[in-house]
Amino acid sequence: MKNSCESCLMPFSKDPGQRELDRYCSYCFKNGKLCYEGQDLKEFQRASYESMVAHGTNKILARFFTYLIRFAPRWKSK
């Protein structure tokens, strides 16, 4: 089992919700499907950044985490 989400790289130890799959965090996978089913990395990064800021993450830290998303297994080849 991996230690972080394959879509956003959030460490599972920081995931506040209940995960449905071993591969994804509770933010990326809900109700049996990916929350963002598109293939546009920049759009996913924008939505992730906005969500992090809305949940109280410092904007600079949110920018850093958003940058790292491009290295997640789901997005590496995009």
Protein backbone atom coordinates (compact mmCIF):
# COMPACT_ATOMS: atom_id res chain seq x y z
CA MET A 1 0.00 0.00 0.00
CA LYS A 2 1.27 3.47 -0.87
CA ASN A 3 1.53 6.33 1.60
CA SER A 4 0.01 9.09 -0.55
CA CYS A 5 -2.81 9.72 -3.00
CA GLU A 6 -2.04 8.84 -6.64
CA SER A 7 -3.91 11.92 -7.82
CA CYS A 8 -2.90 14.78 -5.49
CA LEU A 9 -0.03 13.29 -3.42
CA MET A 10 -1.73 14.09 -0.11
CA PRO A 11 -0.17 11.89 2.58
CA PHE A 12 -2.79 9.45 3.80
CA SER A 13 -1.78 10.26 7.36
CA LYS A 14 -3.16 13.81 6.76
CA ASP A 15 -6.43 12.69 5.15
CA PRO A 16 -9.28 13.73 7.46
CA GLY A 17 -11.93 11.62 5.72
CA GLN A 18 -12.70 7.96 5.15
CA ARG A 19 -10.91 6.57 2.08
CA GLU A 20 -12.84 4.27 -0.25
CA LEU A 21 -9.78 3.01 -2.16
CA ASP A 22 -6.20 2.42 -1.12
CA ARG A 23 -4.92 4.54 -4.03
CA TYR A 24 -6.81 7.81 -3.46
CA CYS A 25 -7.53 10.24 -0.63
CA SER A 26 -11.06 11.03 0.52
CA TYR A 27 -10.98 14.33 -1.41
CA CYS A 28 -10.10 12.75 -4.77
CA PHE A 29 -12.33 9.67 -4.67
CA LYS A 30 -15.92 9.70 -3.36
CA ASN A 31 -19.04 7.66 -3.99
CA GLY A 32 -17.19 5.10 -6.09
CA LYS A 33 -15.57 7.52 -8.56
CA LEU A 34 -12.88 10.16 -8.96
CA CYS A 35 -14.13 13.63 -8.06
CA TYR A 36 -12.22 15.07 -11.02
CA GLU A 37 -12.55 12.74 -13.97
CA GLY A 38 -11.01 15.12 -16.50
CA GLN A 39 -7.51 14.92 -17.92
CA ASP A 40 -6.45 18.58 -17.63
CA LEU A 41 -3.65 18.85 -15.07
CA LYS A 42 -3.83 22.65 -14.84
CA GLU A 43 -7.58 22.58 -14.22
CA PHE A 44 -7.11 19.96 -11.48
CA GLN A 45 -4.31 22.04 -9.93
CA ARG A 46 -6.50 25.16 -9.95
CA ALA A 47 -9.40 23.32 -8.28
CA SER A 48 -7.03 21.75 -5.73
CA TYR A 49 -5.47 25.12 -4.87
CA GLU A 50 -8.87 26.74 -4.37
CA SER A 51 -10.01 23.86 -2.18
CA MET A 52 -6.86 23.98 -0.03
CA VAL A 53 -7.21 27.73 0.53
CA ALA A 54 -10.92 27.31 1.32
CA HIS A 55 -9.99 24.69 3.94
CA GLY A 56 -7.53 27.11 5.58
CA THR A 57 -4.19 26.17 4.02
CA ASN A 58 -1.71 29.05 3.79
CA LYS A 59 -1.66 30.35 0.18
CA ILE A 60 2.10 29.92 -0.24
CA LEU A 61 1.95 26.37 1.07
CA ALA A 62 -1.07 25.66 -1.14
CA ARG A 63 0.91 26.87 -4.19
CA PHE A 64 3.78 24.53 -3.27
CA PHE A 65 1.46 21.52 -2.82
CA THR A 66 -0.30 22.41 -6.08
CA TYR A 67 3.04 22.44 -7.91
CA LEU A 68 3.86 18.96 -6.56
CA ILE A 69 0.66 17.47 -8.02
CA ARG A 70 2.35 17.24 -11.44
CA PHE A 71 4.57 14.49 -10.01
CA ALA A 72 1.68 12.29 -8.86
CA PRO A 73 1.35 8.96 -10.70
CA ARG A 74 -1.95 10.01 -12.28
CA TRP A 75 -0.40 13.12 -13.87
CA LYS A 76 3.21 12.14 -14.59
CA SER A 77 2.56 11.26 -18.23
CA LYS A 78 0.31 14.26 -18.94
